[in-house]
Every structure is written in C-alpha cells, then in structure tokens.
Protein backbone atom coordinates (compact mmCIF):
# COMPACT_ATOMS: atom_id res chain seq x y z
CA MET A 1 -1.36 -7.65 -16.32
CA ILE A 2 -1.08 -9.84 -13.25
CA LYS A 3 -3.55 -9.98 -10.38
CA LEU A 4 -2.32 -8.16 -7.29
CA LYS A 5 -3.17 -9.16 -3.73
CA ILE A 6 -3.08 -5.58 -2.42
CA LYS A 7 -6.03 -3.23 -2.91
CA THR A 8 -6.69 0.46 -2.27
CA GLY A 9 -7.61 1.01 1.39
CA ASP A 10 -5.63 -1.96 2.75
CA THR A 11 -3.30 -1.40 5.70
CA VAL A 12 0.15 -2.66 4.73
CA LYS A 13 3.54 -3.08 6.37
CA VAL A 14 6.83 -2.44 4.56
CA ILE A 15 8.95 -5.61 4.74
CA ALA A 16 12.01 -4.40 2.78
CA GLY A 17 13.77 -1.18 1.91
CA GLU A 18 14.40 2.18 3.55
CA ASP A 19 11.03 2.34 5.35
CA LYS A 20 11.15 -1.28 6.61
CA GLY A 21 8.84 -1.89 9.56
CA SER A 22 6.53 1.09 9.02
CA GLU A 23 2.82 0.77 8.30
CA GLY A 24 0.39 2.81 6.24
CA LYS A 25 -2.80 2.79 4.20
CA VAL A 26 -2.70 2.14 0.45
CA LEU A 27 -3.80 5.28 -1.41
CA ARG A 28 -3.40 4.01 -5.00
CA VAL A 29 -2.35 0.84 -6.80
CA LEU A 30 -0.45 1.14 -10.09
CA ARG A 31 -1.15 -2.29 -11.66
CA GLU A 32 0.85 -1.74 -14.85
CA LYS A 33 4.01 -1.01 -12.82
CA ASN A 34 3.35 -3.45 -9.90
CA LYS A 35 3.62 -0.56 -7.45
CA ALA A 36 1.47 1.07 -4.77
CA VAL A 37 1.40 4.51 -3.17
CA VAL A 38 1.24 4.18 0.62
CA GLU A 39 0.37 6.99 3.04
CA GLY A 40 3.52 8.38 4.71
CA ILE A 41 5.86 5.79 3.11
CA ASN A 42 8.69 6.43 0.60
CA MET A 43 8.48 10.22 0.92
CA VAL A 44 10.34 12.23 -1.72
CA SER A 45 11.04 15.95 -2.11
CA LYS A 46 9.56 17.44 -5.26
CA HIS A 47 10.70 20.88 -6.40
CA THR A 48 7.77 22.91 -7.73
CA LYS A 49 7.71 26.14 -9.70
CA PRO A 50 5.40 28.92 -8.54
CA SER A 51 1.98 28.61 -10.21
CA ALA A 52 -1.56 29.90 -9.77
CA LYS A 53 -2.37 26.86 -7.62
CA ASN A 54 0.84 27.15 -5.58
CA PRO A 55 2.03 30.80 -5.76
CA GLN A 56 4.92 30.23 -3.32
CA GLY A 57 6.50 27.26 -5.13
CA GLY A 58 9.34 25.51 -3.28
CA ILE A 59 9.91 21.96 -2.08
CA VAL A 60 6.92 19.69 -1.52
CA LYS A 61 7.09 16.32 0.27
CA LYS A 62 4.97 13.59 -1.33
CA GLU A 63 4.65 9.81 -1.42
CA ALA A 64 6.36 7.94 -4.24
CA PRO A 65 5.24 4.48 -5.42
CA ILE A 66 6.82 1.45 -3.73
CA HIS A 67 7.03 -2.03 -5.27
CA ILE A 68 4.29 -4.48 -4.25
CA SER A 69 6.88 -7.15 -3.35
CA ASN A 70 8.10 -4.91 -0.51
CA LEU A 71 4.63 -4.75 1.09
CA ALA A 72 2.65 -7.21 3.21
CA ILE A 73 -1.00 -6.87 4.28
CA VAL A 74 -1.54 -6.34 8.01
CA ASP A 75 -4.01 -8.73 9.66
CA PRO A 76 -6.57 -6.55 11.52
CA SER A 77 -7.01 -9.03 14.40
CA THR A 78 -3.34 -9.82 15.18
CA LYS A 79 -1.82 -6.52 13.87
CA GLU A 80 1.02 -8.37 12.11
CA ALA A 81 1.98 -8.96 8.48
CA THR A 82 0.31 -11.91 6.79
CA ARG A 83 -0.16 -13.58 3.42
CA THR A 84 -3.61 -13.74 1.90
CA GLY A 85 -5.71 -16.40 0.28
CA VAL A 86 -9.05 -16.43 -1.55
CA ARG A 87 -12.01 -18.67 -0.82
CA VAL A 88 -15.68 -18.77 -1.74
CA GLU A 89 -18.20 -18.12 1.04
CA GLY A 90 -21.76 -18.56 -0.18
CA ASP A 91 -21.71 -16.95 -3.60
CA LYS A 92 -18.94 -14.41 -2.92
CA LYS A 93 -15.15 -14.58 -3.20
CA VAL A 94 -13.46 -13.28 -0.04
CA ARG A 95 -9.84 -12.64 0.92
CA PHE A 96 -8.65 -14.19 4.17
CA SER A 97 -5.56 -14.03 6.34
CA LYS A 98 -3.37 -17.15 6.21
CA LYS A 99 -2.24 -16.56 9.83
CA SER A 100 -5.56 -16.08 11.59
CA ASN A 101 -7.86 -17.57 8.90
CA GLN A 102 -10.17 -14.53 9.25
CA VAL A 103 -11.80 -12.61 6.39
CA LEU A 104 -10.02 -9.36 5.50
C-alpha cells in the first residue's frame, strides 16, 4: 500500500471530473483502492428495497468514492488548492502547504 497525502477530515477541492471545482470534507479514505469519500461530491442514486431500517425503500442519494488523483488539499489560509510536504518540527512530523509554507 502506498502512503496517501489526504487524510480524513481534510478539506479538498476536486481538480478533475464531473464535480470539478467543488470543495468538501473527506469522510473516509479507502487506502487499498486509492479513493476517498468526500461530503457532497460524486453523488450517486442507490435503489434500496424496503427493510426494517428503511420501511419506505426507494432511491437514496449517497456519496461514492472518488480517486485521490482528482483531489487537492485546500490551504486554510489562502483557500486555494495546494500540494503538501512533510517536515520535522521539534520531535513531530507535520504536513505543510507548499504555497503558503504554513502547517496544515
């Protein structure tokens, strides 16, 4: 498995695909598939049968995973997409924005 630069809770911007330009918060990261589930991005319609949990059934909208390569982390200070780097501060590893050089 490869190391991913995106973590759960990060705010990301979609840089390619149908939802290009939209932003959202990462809900889950699927490392084995190199994908992430982002809030409000890549919505799909799922047909569900009636069940005890959902007695009505019907069509439910939910987020589908999107490939990591189509996402970029949003820099909190400048509010634009940026690449990230890692450096050691004291005895901790921290991620930083390559654009503003600030810790994420």
